[in-house]
């Protein structure tokens, strides 16, 4: 049974930083492309970042503008999202997700069958 546990959310002031973690279990982590999406109240779930299962390809949503970095540690079965220069508009629930051997750095949430429970990120102005 695949399980994804997102953590690291909380409250931060605008301009600050936060690192989210996604601990995976029940899967061969090194074979899964990992991604982060986010959803603000009343809005769609939007793509944030993805790292291919090979670890050599990443892709970000347009709004990231160099502020976020996605990474993975296969030895720890964990994916990370380092977020810097946070803005109030980044306030949302952040979800990690996984897809087996997804070949592209894909931003379409329909390609991801496994989802974590989400972690709340709140950025105050």
Foldseek 3Di string as FASTA:
>chain_A
DKAWAKDWADEAAAQAKTKIKIAIDPDQLLQKKKFKWWDDPPDDIFGAKIAASPRPDMDGDPVQVPQWDWGDDSVRNMIMIIGGRDDQVPWTWMKMFIAGNPPDRDGDCVRTDDIHPTDTHGYHD
